[in-house]
Amino acid sequence: MRKIIGPAETTKITNLSRSTLWRLEKKGQFPQRINISSNRVGWYEDEVSSWIESRPRGLCQREGLR
C-alpha cells in the first residue's frame, strides 16, 4: 500500500510553501495531489521522494551566476 502524506508533511520535506507546490503542480512540475475527502488532499510519498531526488544539486543555474 502506498503512503499518502498531507500538506504539512509535504511542505516540511520539500521546504516549499503550499502556494509554491500549487504553482508547480499547475505547471506539471510537481506530482499531482490526490483528494482524500472533500476537504483533505495529499500526495503519494514515493512520488514526492522521486521528485526530490530528481532535483539538481549545487548552485542554482540562473542567468548571471557563473
PDB file of N, CA and C in Angstrom:
ATOM      1  N   MET A   1       0.844  -1.184   0.000  1.00  0.00           N
ATOM      2  CA  MET A   1       0.000   0.000   0.000  1.00  0.00           C
ATOM      3  C   MET A   1       0.889   1.246   0.000  1.00  0.00           C
ATOM      4  N   ARG A   2       0.543   2.221  -0.807  1.00  0.00           N
ATOM      5  CA  ARG A   2       1.297   3.461  -0.907  1.00  0.00           C
ATOM      6  C   ARG A   2       0.889   4.415   0.207  1.00  0.00           C
ATOM      7  N   LYS A   3       1.887   5.070   0.788  1.00  0.00           N
ATOM      8  CA  LYS A   3       1.638   6.026   1.868  1.00  0.00           C
ATOM      9  C   LYS A   3       1.280   7.383   1.290  1.00  0.00           C
ATOM     10  N   ILE A   4       0.260   8.002   1.853  1.00  0.00           N
ATOM     11  CA  ILE A   4      -0.170   9.346   1.467  1.00  0.00           C
ATOM     12  C   ILE A   4       0.280  10.306   2.558  1.00  0.00           C
ATOM     13  N   ILE A   5       0.905  11.416   2.133  1.00  0.00           N
ATOM     14  CA  ILE A   5       1.325  12.434   3.089  1.00  0.00           C
ATOM     15  C   ILE A   5       0.514  13.704   2.853  1.00  0.00           C
ATOM     16  N   GLY A   6       0.214  14.394   3.927  1.00  0.00           N
ATOM     17  CA  GLY A   6      -0.597  15.601   3.858  1.00  0.00           C
ATOM     18  C   GLY A   6       0.229  16.835   3.531  1.00  0.00           C
ATOM     19  N   PRO A   7      -0.455  17.965   3.408  1.00  0.00           N
ATOM     20  CA  PRO A   7       0.228  19.215   3.070  1.00  0.00           C
ATOM     21  C   PRO A   7       1.327  19.615   4.048  1.00  0.00           C
ATOM     22  N   ALA A   8       1.107  19.450   5.342  1.00  0.00           N
ATOM     23  CA  ALA A   8       2.106  19.858   6.328  1.00  0.00           C
ATOM     24  C   ALA A   8       3.397  19.063   6.151  1.00  0.00           C
ATOM     25  N   GLU A   9       3.276  17.756   5.998  1.00  0.00           N
ATOM     26  CA  GLU A   9       4.473  16.930   5.828  1.00  0.00           C
ATOM     27  C   GLU A   9       5.134  17.199   4.476  1.00  0.00           C
ATOM     28  N   THR A  10       4.325  17.417   3.441  1.00  0.00           N
ATOM     29  CA  THR A  10       4.873  17.687   2.110  1.00  0.00           C
ATOM     30  C   THR A  10       5.664  18.983   2.104  1.00  0.00           C
ATOM     31  N   THR A  11       5.124  20.028   2.721  1.00  0.00           N
ATOM     32  CA  THR A  11       5.855  21.299   2.776  1.00  0.00           C
ATOM     33  C   THR A  11       7.115  21.155   3.621  1.00  0.00           C
ATOM     34  N   LYS A  12       7.057  20.341   4.659  1.00  0.00           N
ATOM     35  CA  LYS A  12       8.223  20.151   5.521  1.00  0.00           C
ATOM     36  C   LYS A  12       9.343  19.430   4.780  1.00  0.00           C
ATOM     37  N   ILE A  13       9.026  18.358   4.064  1.00  0.00           N
ATOM     38  CA  ILE A  13      10.101  17.591   3.423  1.00  0.00           C
ATOM     39  C   ILE A  13      10.615  18.244   2.139  1.00  0.00           C
ATOM     40  N   THR A  14       9.785  19.076   1.485  1.00  0.00           N
ATOM     41  CA  THR A  14      10.250  19.760   0.273  1.00  0.00           C
ATOM     42  C   THR A  14      10.823  21.136   0.564  1.00  0.00           C
ATOM     43  N   ASN A  15      10.485  21.683   1.717  1.00  0.00           N
ATOM     44  CA  ASN A  15      10.882  23.040   2.102  1.00  0.00           C
ATOM     45  C   ASN A  15      10.272  24.079   1.157  1.00  0.00           C
ATOM     46  N   LEU A  16       9.078  23.778   0.650  1.00  0.00           N
ATOM     47  CA  LEU A  16       8.339  24.689  -0.226  1.00  0.00           C
ATOM     48  C   LEU A  16       7.008  25.036   0.426  1.00  0.00           C
ATOM     49  N   SER A  17       6.498  26.226   0.152  1.00  0.00           N
ATOM     50  CA  SER A  17       5.200  26.622   0.690  1.00  0.00           C
ATOM     51  C   SER A  17       4.083  25.923  -0.077  1.00  0.00           C
ATOM     52  N   ARG A  18       2.896  25.938   0.494  1.00  0.00           N
ATOM     53  CA  ARG A  18       1.742  25.331  -0.179  1.00  0.00           C
ATOM     54  C   ARG A  18       1.448  26.033  -1.499  1.00  0.00           C
ATOM     55  N   SER A  19       1.611  27.356  -1.540  1.00  0.00           N
ATOM     56  CA  SER A  19       1.338  28.076  -2.784  1.00  0.00           C
ATOM     57  C   SER A  19       2.363  27.728  -3.857  1.00  0.00           C
ATOM     58  N   THR A  20       3.608  27.511  -3.465  1.00  0.00           N
ATOM     59  CA  THR A  20       4.623  27.104  -4.437  1.00  0.00           C
ATOM     60  C   THR A  20       4.324  25.704  -4.957  1.00  0.00           C
ATOM     61  N   LEU A  21       3.916  24.797  -4.071  1.00  0.00           N
ATOM     62  CA  LEU A  21       3.535  23.453  -4.517  1.00  0.00           C
ATOM     63  C   LEU A  21       2.393  23.535  -5.522  1.00  0.00           C
ATOM     64  N   TRP A  22       1.412  24.384  -5.239  1.00  0.00           N
ATOM     65  CA  TRP A  22       0.263  24.528  -6.124  1.00  0.00           C
ATOM     66  C   TRP A  22       0.703  25.047  -7.499  1.00  0.00           C
ATOM     67  N   ARG A  23       1.578  26.053  -7.509  1.00  0.00           N
ATOM     68  CA  ARG A  23       2.059  26.605  -8.784  1.00  0.00           C
ATOM     69  C   ARG A  23       2.824  25.550  -9.585  1.00  0.00           C
ATOM     70  N   LEU A  24       3.688  24.801  -8.915  1.00  0.00           N
ATOM     71  CA  LEU A  24       4.449  23.761  -9.603  1.00  0.00           C
ATOM     72  C   LEU A  24       3.521  22.670 -10.148  1.00  0.00           C
ATOM     73  N   GLU A  25       2.509  22.304  -9.379  1.00  0.00           N
ATOM     74  CA  GLU A  25       1.527  21.319  -9.849  1.00  0.00           C
ATOM     75  C   GLU A  25       0.832  21.809 -11.115  1.00  0.00           C
ATOM     76  N   LYS A  26       0.406  23.066 -11.100  1.00  0.00           N
ATOM     77  CA  LYS A  26      -0.295  23.637 -12.252  1.00  0.00           C
ATOM     78  C   LYS A  26       0.566  23.613 -13.508  1.00  0.00           C
ATOM     79  N   LYS A  27       1.894  23.758 -13.338  1.00  0.00           N
ATOM     80  CA  LYS A  27       2.822  23.725 -14.466  1.00  0.00           C
ATOM     81  C   LYS A  27       3.218  22.306 -14.847  1.00  0.00           C
ATOM     82  N   GLY A  28       2.768  21.316 -14.057  1.00  0.00           N
ATOM     83  CA  GLY A  28       3.145  19.934 -14.313  1.00  0.00           C
ATOM     84  C   GLY A  28       4.555  19.606 -13.844  1.00  0.00           C
ATOM     85  N   GLN A  29       5.073  20.402 -12.902  1.00  0.00           N
ATOM     86  CA  GLN A  29       6.437  20.236 -12.422  1.00  0.00           C
ATOM     87  C   GLN A  29       6.518  19.630 -11.026  1.00  0.00           C
ATOM     88  N   PHE A  30       5.387  19.180 -10.492  1.00  0.00           N
ATOM     89  CA  PHE A  30       5.338  18.538  -9.183  1.00  0.00           C
ATOM     90  C   PHE A  30       4.227  17.498  -9.254  1.00  0.00           C
ATOM     91  N   PRO A  31       4.368  16.392  -8.509  1.00  0.00           N
ATOM     92  CA  PRO A  31       3.318  15.365  -8.543  1.00  0.00           C
ATOM     93  C   PRO A  31       1.940  15.934  -8.212  1.00  0.00           C
ATOM     94  N   GLN A  32       0.942  15.423  -8.876  1.00  0.00           N
ATOM     95  CA  GLN A  32      -0.425  15.871  -8.641  1.00  0.00           C
ATOM     96  C   GLN A  32      -0.948  15.371  -7.306  1.00  0.00           C
ATOM     97  N   ARG A  33      -1.659  16.228  -6.610  1.00  0.00           N
ATOM     98  CA  ARG A  33      -2.283  15.852  -5.342  1.00  0.00           C
ATOM     99  C   ARG A  33      -3.432  14.886  -5.602  1.00  0.00           C
ATOM    100  N   ILE A  34      -3.818  14.186  -4.570  1.00  0.00           N
ATOM    101  CA  ILE A  34      -4.990  13.323  -4.653  1.00  0.00           C
ATOM    102  C   ILE A  34      -5.990  13.806  -3.612  1.00  0.00           C
ATOM    103  N   ASN A  35      -7.252  13.649  -3.916  1.00  0.00           N
ATOM    104  CA  ASN A  35      -8.305  14.021  -2.976  1.00  0.00           C
ATOM    105  C   ASN A  35      -8.558  12.848  -2.043  1.00  0.00           C
ATOM    106  N   ILE A  36      -8.345  13.079  -0.760  1.00  0.00           N
ATOM    107  CA  ILE A  36      -8.595  12.050   0.247  1.00  0.00           C
ATOM    108  C   ILE A  36     -10.064  12.087   0.647  1.00  0.00           C
ATOM    109  N   SER A  37     -10.590  13.288   0.777  1.00  0.00           N
ATOM    110  CA  SER A  37     -12.011  13.507   1.054  1.00  0.00           C
ATOM    111  C   SER A  37     -12.366  14.860   0.456  1.00  0.00           C
ATOM    112  N   SER A  38     -13.556  15.334   0.738  1.00  0.00           N
ATOM    113  CA  SER A  38     -13.958  16.622   0.165  1.00  0.00           C
ATOM    114  C   SER A  38     -13.139  17.786   0.716  1.00  0.00           C
ATOM    115  N   ASN A  39     -12.525  17.625   1.880  1.00  0.00           N
ATOM    116  CA  ASN A  39     -11.759  18.709   2.496  1.00  0.00           C
ATOM    117  C   ASN A  39     -10.289  18.396   2.724  1.00  0.00           C
ATOM    118  N   ARG A  40      -9.820  17.247   2.267  1.00  0.00           N
ATOM    119  CA  ARG A  40      -8.430  16.851   2.508  1.00  0.00           C
ATOM    120  C   ARG A  40      -7.760  16.414   1.221  1.00  0.00           C
ATOM    121  N   VAL A  41      -6.502  16.826   1.064  1.00  0.00           N
ATOM    122  CA  VAL A  41      -5.693  16.390  -0.069  1.00  0.00           C
ATOM    123  C   VAL A  41      -4.382  15.827   0.461  1.00  0.00           C
ATOM    124  N   GLY A  42      -3.689  15.117  -0.391  1.00  0.00           N
ATOM    125  CA  GLY A  42      -2.395  14.582  -0.021  1.00  0.00           C
ATOM    126  C   GLY A  42      -1.631  14.184  -1.265  1.00  0.00           C
ATOM    127  N   TRP A  43      -0.411  13.728  -1.064  1.00  0.00           N
ATOM    128  CA  TRP A  43       0.444  13.285  -2.161  1.00  0.00           C
ATOM    129  C   TRP A  43       0.980  11.915  -1.803  1.00  0.00           C
ATOM    130  N   TYR A  44       1.260  11.112  -2.825  1.00  0.00           N
ATOM    131  CA  TYR A  44       1.907   9.836  -2.568  1.00  0.00           C
ATOM    132  C   TYR A  44       3.347  10.114  -2.187  1.00  0.00           C
ATOM    133  N   GLU A  45       3.766   9.574  -1.057  1.00  0.00           N
ATOM    134  CA  GLU A  45       5.107   9.824  -0.544  1.00  0.00           C
ATOM    135  C   GLU A  45       6.194   9.419  -1.538  1.00  0.00           C
ATOM    136  N   ASP A  46       6.008   8.291  -2.219  1.00  0.00           N
ATOM    137  CA  ASP A  46       7.033   7.833  -3.160  1.00  0.00           C
ATOM    138  C   ASP A  46       7.184   8.782  -4.342  1.00  0.00           C
ATOM    139  N   GLU A  47       6.088   9.405  -4.789  1.00  0.00           N
ATOM    140  CA  GLU A  47       6.164  10.367  -5.891  1.00  0.00           C
ATOM    141  C   GLU A  47       6.899  11.635  -5.458  1.00  0.00           C
ATOM    142  N   VAL A  48       6.634  12.095  -4.239  1.00  0.00           N
ATOM    143  CA  VAL A  48       7.311  13.287  -3.729  1.00  0.00           C
ATOM    144  C   VAL A  48       8.802  12.994  -3.542  1.00  0.00           C
ATOM    145  N   SER A  49       9.124  11.823  -3.012  1.00  0.00           N
ATOM    146  CA  SER A  49      10.527  11.442  -2.829  1.00  0.00           C
ATOM    147  C   SER A  49      11.257  11.370  -4.169  1.00  0.00           C
ATOM    148  N   SER A  50      10.610  10.808  -5.171  1.00  0.00           N
ATOM    149  CA  SER A  50      11.221  10.737  -6.504  1.00  0.00           C
ATOM    150  C   SER A  50      11.435  12.129  -7.069  1.00  0.00           C
ATOM    151  N   TRP A  51      10.474  13.026  -6.852  1.00  0.00           N
ATOM    152  CA  TRP A  51      10.608  14.402  -7.325  1.00  0.00           C
ATOM    153  C   TRP A  51      11.817  15.061  -6.668  1.00  0.00           C
ATOM    154  N   ILE A  52      11.971  14.878  -5.342  1.00  0.00           N
ATOM    155  CA  ILE A  52      13.100  15.467  -4.622  1.00  0.00           C
ATOM    156  C   ILE A  52      14.412  14.936  -5.186  1.00  0.00           C
ATOM    157  N   GLU A  53      14.495  13.635  -5.406  1.00  0.00           N
ATOM    158  CA  GLU A  53      15.718  13.021  -5.922  1.00  0.00           C
ATOM    159  C   GLU A  53      16.054  13.499  -7.333  1.00  0.00           C
ATOM    160  N   SER A  54      15.044  13.911  -8.090  1.00  0.00           N
ATOM    161  CA  SER A  54      15.280  14.359  -9.469  1.00  0.00           C
ATOM    162  C   SER A  54      15.770  15.800  -9.552  1.00  0.00           C
ATOM    163  N   ARG A  55      15.717  16.527  -8.438  1.00  0.00           N
ATOM    164  CA  ARG A  55      16.116  17.936  -8.436  1.00  0.00           C
ATOM    165  C   ARG A  55      17.626  18.051  -8.558  1.00  0.00           C
ATOM    166  N   PRO A  56      18.118  19.079  -9.277  1.00  0.00           N
ATOM    167  CA  PRO A  56      19.565  19.274  -9.404  1.00  0.00           C
ATOM    168  C   PRO A  56      20.183  19.665  -8.064  1.00  0.00           C
ATOM    169  N   ARG A  57      21.435  19.313  -7.909  1.00  0.00           N
ATOM    170  CA  ARG A  57      22.167  19.676  -6.694  1.00  0.00           C
ATOM    171  C   ARG A  57      23.127  20.812  -6.989  1.00  0.00           C
ATOM    172  N   GLY A  58      23.534  21.500  -5.956  1.00  0.00           N
ATOM    173  CA  GLY A  58      24.511  22.569  -6.128  1.00  0.00           C
ATOM    174  C   GLY A  58      23.843  23.912  -6.344  1.00  0.00           C
ATOM    175  N   LEU A  59      24.609  24.830  -6.856  1.00  0.00           N
ATOM    176  CA  LEU A  59      24.118  26.188  -7.099  1.00  0.00           C
ATOM    177  C   LEU A  59      23.034  26.200  -8.144  1.00  0.00           C
ATOM    178  N   CYS A  60      22.088  27.089  -7.973  1.00  0.00           N
ATOM    179  CA  CYS A  60      21.026  27.264  -8.968  1.00  0.00           C
ATOM    180  C   CYS A  60      21.634  27.807 -10.251  1.00  0.00           C
ATOM    181  N   GLN A  61      21.155  27.336 -11.355  1.00  0.00           N
ATOM    182  CA  GLN A  61      21.628  27.796 -12.668  1.00  0.00           C
ATOM    183  C   GLN A  61      20.771  28.996 -13.081  1.00  0.00           C
ATOM    184  N   ARG A  62      21.168  30.168 -12.662  1.00  0.00           N
ATOM    185  CA  ARG A  62      20.456  31.397 -13.008  1.00  0.00           C
ATOM    186  C   ARG A  62      21.347  32.224 -13.905  1.00  0.00           C
ATOM    187  N   GLU A  63      20.717  33.069 -14.701  1.00  0.00           N
ATOM    188  CA  GLU A  63      21.478  33.981 -15.530  1.00  0.00           C
ATOM    189  C   GLU A  63      22.319  34.879 -14.641  1.00  0.00           C
ATOM    190  N   GLY A  64      23.558  35.069 -15.015  1.00  0.00           N
ATOM    191  CA  GLY A  64      24.434  35.939 -14.256  1.00  0.00           C
ATOM    192  C   GLY A  64      25.252  35.226 -13.203  1.00  0.00           C
ATOM    193  N   LEU A  65      24.874  34.002 -12.833  1.00  0.00           N
ATOM    194  CA  LEU A  65      25.661  33.240 -11.868  1.00  0.00           C
ATOM    195  C   LEU A  65      26.556  32.279 -12.626  1.00  0.00           C
ATOM    196  N   ARG A  66      27.837  32.452 -12.521  1.00  0.00           N
ATOM    197  CA  ARG A  66      28.779  31.551 -13.207  1.00  0.00           C
ATOM    198  C   ARG A  66      29.961  31.305 -12.331  1.00  0.00           C
TER     199      ARG A  66
END
